[in-house]
Amino acid sequence: MTEVEQIEDRVRKLSPSEFAEFRTWFREQEWKEWDRQIERDSKSGKLKALAEKALADHAAGRTTPI
């Protein structure tokens, strides 16, 4: 059994309250990884073209208030 399969098996055996606690923890881990990925992409310049297009669209009046 792979490590992932072992984890899946353990998660299936959690009580409802333990599962809720695990789910909260796991989501926080996903959010933290998302933030790290955005930071890496920003530092590497991957987001530069998107930012430039957004700023140009805004300057040209092609945006709307949220």
PDB file of N, CA and C in Angstrom:
ATOM      1  N   MET A   1       0.856  -1.179   0.000  1.00  0.00           N
ATOM      2  CA  MET A   1       0.000   0.000   0.000  1.00  0.00           C
ATOM      3  C   MET A   1       0.898   1.238   0.000  1.00  0.00           C
ATOM      4  N   THR A   2       0.610   2.158  -0.910  1.00  0.00           N
ATOM      5  CA  THR A   2       1.416   3.380  -0.984  1.00  0.00           C
ATOM      6  C   THR A   2       1.115   4.284   0.216  1.00  0.00           C
ATOM      7  N   GLU A   3       1.959   5.258   0.412  1.00  0.00           N
ATOM      8  CA  GLU A   3       1.748   6.200   1.513  1.00  0.00           C
ATOM      9  C   GLU A   3       0.430   6.949   1.347  1.00  0.00           C
ATOM     10  N   VAL A   4       0.118   7.340   0.113  1.00  0.00           N
ATOM     11  CA  VAL A   4      -1.140   8.053  -0.141  1.00  0.00           C
ATOM     12  C   VAL A   4      -2.328   7.149   0.184  1.00  0.00           C
ATOM     13  N   GLU A   5      -2.255   5.898  -0.211  1.00  0.00           N
ATOM     14  CA  GLU A   5      -3.341   4.958   0.100  1.00  0.00           C
ATOM     15  C   GLU A   5      -3.505   4.783   1.607  1.00  0.00           C
ATOM     16  N   GLN A   6      -2.396   4.769   2.323  1.00  0.00           N
ATOM     17  CA  GLN A   6      -2.456   4.662   3.788  1.00  0.00           C
ATOM     18  C   GLN A   6      -3.132   5.893   4.386  1.00  0.00           C
ATOM     19  N   ILE A   7      -2.789   7.048   3.881  1.00  0.00           N
ATOM     20  CA  ILE A   7      -3.410   8.289   4.367  1.00  0.00           C
ATOM     21  C   ILE A   7      -4.899   8.279   4.063  1.00  0.00           C
ATOM     22  N   GLU A   8      -5.252   7.885   2.843  1.00  0.00           N
ATOM     23  CA  GLU A   8      -6.671   7.813   2.475  1.00  0.00           C
ATOM     24  C   GLU A   8      -7.426   6.885   3.419  1.00  0.00           C
ATOM     25  N   ASP A   9      -6.833   5.748   3.724  1.00  0.00           N
ATOM     26  CA  ASP A   9      -7.467   4.785   4.627  1.00  0.00           C
ATOM     27  C   ASP A   9      -7.668   5.394   6.013  1.00  0.00           C
ATOM     28  N   ARG A  10      -6.652   6.092   6.497  1.00  0.00           N
ATOM     29  CA  ARG A  10      -6.757   6.734   7.819  1.00  0.00           C
ATOM     30  C   ARG A  10      -7.835   7.810   7.818  1.00  0.00           C
ATOM     31  N   VAL A  11      -7.919   8.587   6.752  1.00  0.00           N
ATOM     32  CA  VAL A  11      -8.919   9.656   6.667  1.00  0.00           C
ATOM     33  C   VAL A  11     -10.321   9.064   6.678  1.00  0.00           C
ATOM     34  N   ARG A  12     -10.513   7.964   5.959  1.00  0.00           N
ATOM     35  CA  ARG A  12     -11.837   7.315   5.936  1.00  0.00           C
ATOM     36  C   ARG A  12     -12.278   6.873   7.332  1.00  0.00           C
ATOM     37  N   LYS A  13     -11.336   6.590   8.188  1.00  0.00           N
ATOM     38  CA  LYS A  13     -11.647   6.074   9.527  1.00  0.00           C
ATOM     39  C   LYS A  13     -11.850   7.178  10.571  1.00  0.00           C
ATOM     40  N   LEU A  14     -11.680   8.428  10.188  1.00  0.00           N
ATOM     41  CA  LEU A  14     -11.852   9.527  11.136  1.00  0.00           C
ATOM     42  C   LEU A  14     -13.319   9.684  11.518  1.00  0.00           C
ATOM     43  N   SER A  15     -13.540  10.109  12.744  1.00  0.00           N
ATOM     44  CA  SER A  15     -14.901  10.437  13.176  1.00  0.00           C
ATOM     45  C   SER A  15     -15.325  11.721  12.460  1.00  0.00           C
ATOM     46  N   PRO A  16     -16.608  12.027  12.445  1.00  0.00           N
ATOM     47  CA  PRO A  16     -17.044  13.273  11.794  1.00  0.00           C
ATOM     48  C   PRO A  16     -16.333  14.519  12.336  1.00  0.00           C
ATOM     49  N   SER A  17     -16.154  14.596  13.641  1.00  0.00           N
ATOM     50  CA  SER A  17     -15.490  15.783  14.196  1.00  0.00           C
ATOM     51  C   SER A  17     -14.003  15.802  13.839  1.00  0.00           C
ATOM     52  N   GLU A  18     -13.368  14.643  13.836  1.00  0.00           N
ATOM     53  CA  GLU A  18     -11.962  14.577  13.438  1.00  0.00           C
ATOM     54  C   GLU A  18     -11.811  14.928  11.957  1.00  0.00           C
ATOM     55  N   PHE A  19     -12.755  14.456  11.141  1.00  0.00           N
ATOM     56  CA  PHE A  19     -12.703  14.767   9.715  1.00  0.00           C
ATOM     57  C   PHE A  19     -12.860  16.268   9.483  1.00  0.00           C
ATOM     58  N   ALA A  20     -13.764  16.902  10.225  1.00  0.00           N
ATOM     59  CA  ALA A  20     -13.958  18.350  10.095  1.00  0.00           C
ATOM     60  C   ALA A  20     -12.672  19.091  10.459  1.00  0.00           C
ATOM     61  N   GLU A  21     -12.017  18.653  11.517  1.00  0.00           N
ATOM     62  CA  GLU A  21     -10.759  19.273  11.936  1.00  0.00           C
ATOM     63  C   GLU A  21      -9.680  19.067  10.869  1.00  0.00           C
ATOM     64  N   PHE A  22      -9.608  17.846  10.338  1.00  0.00           N
ATOM     65  CA  PHE A  22      -8.637  17.542   9.285  1.00  0.00           C
ATOM     66  C   PHE A  22      -8.901  18.379   8.035  1.00  0.00           C
ATOM     67  N   ARG A  23     -10.161  18.480   7.648  1.00  0.00           N
ATOM     68  CA  ARG A  23     -10.538  19.242   6.454  1.00  0.00           C
ATOM     69  C   ARG A  23     -10.108  20.703   6.597  1.00  0.00           C
ATOM     70  N   THR A  24     -10.331  21.289   7.763  1.00  0.00           N
ATOM     71  CA  THR A  24      -9.919  22.672   8.012  1.00  0.00           C
ATOM     72  C   THR A  24      -8.408  22.810   7.875  1.00  0.00           C
ATOM     73  N   TRP A  25      -7.676  21.895   8.493  1.00  0.00           N
ATOM     74  CA  TRP A  25      -6.216  21.921   8.414  1.00  0.00           C
ATOM     75  C   TRP A  25      -5.755  21.779   6.964  1.00  0.00           C
ATOM     76  N   PHE A  26      -6.354  20.832   6.244  1.00  0.00           N
ATOM     77  CA  PHE A  26      -5.937  20.570   4.871  1.00  0.00           C
ATOM     78  C   PHE A  26      -6.195  21.778   3.975  1.00  0.00           C
ATOM     79  N   ARG A  27      -7.339  22.410   4.119  1.00  0.00           N
ATOM     80  CA  ARG A  27      -7.652  23.602   3.320  1.00  0.00           C
ATOM     81  C   ARG A  27      -6.649  24.713   3.588  1.00  0.00           C
ATOM     82  N   GLU A  28      -6.273  24.879   4.843  1.00  0.00           N
ATOM     83  CA  GLU A  28      -5.280  25.900   5.176  1.00  0.00           C
ATOM     84  C   GLU A  28      -3.952  25.598   4.495  1.00  0.00           C
ATOM     85  N   GLN A  29      -3.594  24.321   4.431  1.00  0.00           N
ATOM     86  CA  GLN A  29      -2.356  23.932   3.753  1.00  0.00           C
ATOM     87  C   GLN A  29      -2.437  24.249   2.265  1.00  0.00           C
ATOM     88  N   GLU A  30      -3.587  23.982   1.650  1.00  0.00           N
ATOM     89  CA  GLU A  30      -3.788  24.306   0.233  1.00  0.00           C
ATOM     90  C   GLU A  30      -3.659  25.804  -0.002  1.00  0.00           C
ATOM     91  N   TRP A  31      -4.280  26.599   0.859  1.00  0.00           N
ATOM     92  CA  TRP A  31      -4.218  28.057   0.711  1.00  0.00           C
ATOM     93  C   TRP A  31      -2.787  28.555   0.840  1.00  0.00           C
ATOM     94  N   LYS A  32      -2.046  27.998   1.807  1.00  0.00           N
ATOM     95  CA  LYS A  32      -0.652  28.406   1.989  1.00  0.00           C
ATOM     96  C   LYS A  32       0.177  28.058   0.756  1.00  0.00           C
ATOM     97  N   GLU A  33      -0.044  26.865   0.195  1.00  0.00           N
ATOM     98  CA  GLU A  33       0.687  26.471  -1.011  1.00  0.00           C
ATOM     99  C   GLU A  33       0.310  27.369  -2.187  1.00  0.00           C
ATOM    100  N   TRP A  34      -0.968  27.713  -2.294  1.00  0.00           N
ATOM    101  CA  TRP A  34      -1.420  28.627  -3.355  1.00  0.00           C
ATOM    102  C   TRP A  34      -0.686  29.965  -3.232  1.00  0.00           C
ATOM    103  N   ASP A  35      -0.608  30.493  -2.008  1.00  0.00           N
ATOM    104  CA  ASP A  35       0.093  31.757  -1.778  1.00  0.00           C
ATOM    105  C   ASP A  35       1.563  31.646  -2.174  1.00  0.00           C
ATOM    106  N   ARG A  36       2.206  30.529  -1.803  1.00  0.00           N
ATOM    107  CA  ARG A  36       3.618  30.342  -2.165  1.00  0.00           C
ATOM    108  C   ARG A  36       3.780  30.280  -3.688  1.00  0.00           C
ATOM    109  N   GLN A  37       2.851  29.602  -4.369  1.00  0.00           N
ATOM    110  CA  GLN A  37       2.933  29.497  -5.828  1.00  0.00           C
ATOM    111  C   GLN A  37       2.756  30.862  -6.484  1.00  0.00           C
ATOM    112  N   ILE A  38       1.792  31.636  -6.003  1.00  0.00           N
ATOM    113  CA  ILE A  38       1.592  32.986  -6.548  1.00  0.00           C
ATOM    114  C   ILE A  38       2.854  33.825  -6.338  1.00  0.00           C
ATOM    115  N   GLU A  39       3.450  33.721  -5.168  1.00  0.00           N
ATOM    116  CA  GLU A  39       4.677  34.466  -4.875  1.00  0.00           C
ATOM    117  C   GLU A  39       5.799  34.048  -5.823  1.00  0.00           C
ATOM    118  N   ARG A  40       5.967  32.740  -6.036  1.00  0.00           N
ATOM    119  CA  ARG A  40       7.003  32.259  -6.962  1.00  0.00           C
ATOM    120  C   ARG A  40       6.733  32.757  -8.384  1.00  0.00           C
ATOM    121  N   ASP A  41       5.478  32.654  -8.813  1.00  0.00           N
ATOM    122  CA  ASP A  41       5.131  33.103 -10.163  1.00  0.00           C
ATOM    123  C   ASP A  41       5.361  34.601 -10.320  1.00  0.00           C
ATOM    124  N   SER A  42       5.045  35.352  -9.289  1.00  0.00           N
ATOM    125  CA  SER A  42       5.239  36.800  -9.336  1.00  0.00           C
ATOM    126  C   SER A  42       6.728  37.139  -9.437  1.00  0.00           C
ATOM    127  N   LYS A  43       7.530  36.500  -8.597  1.00  0.00           N
ATOM    128  CA  LYS A  43       8.970  36.776  -8.598  1.00  0.00           C
ATOM    129  C   LYS A  43       9.636  36.351  -9.902  1.00  0.00           C
ATOM    130  N   SER A  44       9.120  35.298 -10.529  1.00  0.00           N
ATOM    131  CA  SER A  44       9.733  34.803 -11.767  1.00  0.00           C
ATOM    132  C   SER A  44       9.270  35.576 -12.995  1.00  0.00           C
ATOM    133  N   GLY A  45       8.284  36.464 -12.822  1.00  0.00           N
ATOM    134  CA  GLY A  45       7.802  37.262 -13.937  1.00  0.00           C
ATOM    135  C   GLY A  45       6.645  36.644 -14.706  1.00  0.00           C
ATOM    136  N   LYS A  46       6.172  35.480 -14.269  1.00  0.00           N
ATOM    137  CA  LYS A  46       5.083  34.805 -14.985  1.00  0.00           C
ATOM    138  C   LYS A  46       3.793  35.616 -15.004  1.00  0.00           C
ATOM    139  N   LEU A  47       3.613  36.492 -14.034  1.00  0.00           N
ATOM    140  CA  LEU A  47       2.374  37.263 -13.951  1.00  0.00           C
ATOM    141  C   LEU A  47       2.491  38.643 -14.595  1.00  0.00           C
ATOM    142  N   LYS A  48       3.680  38.988 -15.057  1.00  0.00           N
ATOM    143  CA  LYS A  48       3.916  40.331 -15.580  1.00  0.00           C
ATOM    144  C   LYS A  48       3.001  40.659 -16.761  1.00  0.00           C
ATOM    145  N   ALA A  49       2.876  39.754 -17.717  1.00  0.00           N
ATOM    146  CA  ALA A  49       2.039  40.014 -18.897  1.00  0.00           C
ATOM    147  C   ALA A  49       0.579  40.198 -18.496  1.00  0.00           C
ATOM    148  N   LEU A  50       0.106  39.402 -17.557  1.00  0.00           N
ATOM    149  CA  LEU A  50      -1.280  39.542 -17.090  1.00  0.00           C
ATOM    150  C   LEU A  50      -1.499  40.884 -16.409  1.00  0.00           C
ATOM    151  N   ALA A  51      -0.543  41.280 -15.576  1.00  0.00           N
ATOM    152  CA  ALA A  51      -0.663  42.559 -14.875  1.00  0.00           C
ATOM    153  C   ALA A  51      -0.635  43.721 -15.863  1.00  0.00           C
ATOM    154  N   GLU A  52       0.250  43.645 -16.840  1.00  0.00           N
ATOM    155  CA  GLU A  52       0.339  44.719 -17.831  1.00  0.00           C
ATOM    156  C   GLU A  52      -0.952  44.832 -18.638  1.00  0.00           C
ATOM    157  N   LYS A  53      -1.533  43.700 -19.023  1.00  0.00           N
ATOM    158  CA  LYS A  53      -2.792  43.728 -19.769  1.00  0.00           C
ATOM    159  C   LYS A  53      -3.909  44.305 -18.911  1.00  0.00           C
ATOM    160  N   ALA A  54      -3.974  43.906 -17.650  1.00  0.00           N
ATOM    161  CA  ALA A  54      -5.018  44.425 -16.759  1.00  0.00           C
ATOM    162  C   ALA A  54      -4.887  45.932 -16.593  1.00  0.00           C
ATOM    163  N   LEU A  55      -3.675  46.413 -16.414  1.00  0.00           N
ATOM    164  CA  LEU A  55      -3.464  47.854 -16.268  1.00  0.00           C
ATOM    165  C   LEU A  55      -3.812  48.596 -17.554  1.00  0.00           C
ATOM    166  N   ALA A  56      -3.451  48.022 -18.696  1.00  0.00           N
ATOM    167  CA  ALA A  56      -3.776  48.655 -19.978  1.00  0.00           C
ATOM    168  C   ALA A  56      -5.288  48.686 -20.196  1.00  0.00           C
ATOM    169  N   ASP A  57      -5.968  47.595 -19.879  1.00  0.00           N
ATOM    170  CA  ASP A  57      -7.428  47.559 -20.006  1.00  0.00           C
ATOM    171  C   ASP A  57      -8.079  48.602 -19.106  1.00  0.00           C
ATOM    172  N   HIS A  58      -7.562  48.729 -17.902  1.00  0.00           N
ATOM    173  CA  HIS A  58      -8.120  49.711 -16.971  1.00  0.00           C
ATOM    174  C   HIS A  58      -7.892  51.136 -17.490  1.00  0.00           C
ATOM    175  N   ALA A  59      -6.679  51.393 -17.953  1.00  0.00           N
ATOM    176  CA  ALA A  59      -6.361  52.728 -18.477  1.00  0.00           C
ATOM    177  C   ALA A  59      -7.222  53.062 -19.695  1.00  0.00           C
ATOM    178  N   ALA A  60      -7.603  52.043 -20.458  1.00  0.00           N
ATOM    179  CA  ALA A  60      -8.418  52.256 -21.657  1.00  0.00           C
ATOM    180  C   ALA A  60      -9.912  52.268 -21.343  1.00  0.00           C
ATOM    181  N   GLY A  61     -10.251  52.148 -20.064  1.00  0.00           N
ATOM    182  CA  GLY A  61     -11.658  52.195 -19.675  1.00  0.00           C
ATOM    183  C   GLY A  61     -12.423  50.902 -19.925  1.00  0.00           C
ATOM    184  N   ARG A  62     -11.710  49.794 -20.056  1.00  0.00           N
ATOM    185  CA  ARG A  62     -12.375  48.517 -20.318  1.00  0.00           C
ATOM    186  C   ARG A  62     -12.597  47.697 -19.049  1.00  0.00           C
ATOM    187  N   THR A  63     -12.690  48.367 -17.916  1.00  0.00           N
ATOM    188  CA  THR A  63     -12.955  47.673 -16.654  1.00  0.00           C
ATOM    189  C   THR A  63     -14.199  48.267 -16.010  1.00  0.00           C
ATOM    190  N   THR A  64     -14.760  47.523 -15.085  1.00  0.00           N
ATOM    191  CA  THR A  64     -15.932  48.013 -14.346  1.00  0.00           C
ATOM    192  C   THR A  64     -15.674  47.845 -12.853  1.00  0.00           C
ATOM    193  N   PRO A  65     -16.247  48.720 -12.047  1.00  0.00           N
ATOM    194  CA  PRO A  65     -16.080  48.590 -10.595  1.00  0.00           C
ATOM    195  C   PRO A  65     -16.715  47.285 -10.094  1.00  0.00           C
ATOM    196  N   ILE A  66     -16.149  46.761  -9.064  1.00  0.00           N
ATOM    197  CA  ILE A  66     -16.697  45.539  -8.469  1.00  0.00           C
ATOM    198  C   ILE A  66     -17.700  45.909  -7.390  1.00  0.00           C
TER     199      ILE A  66
END
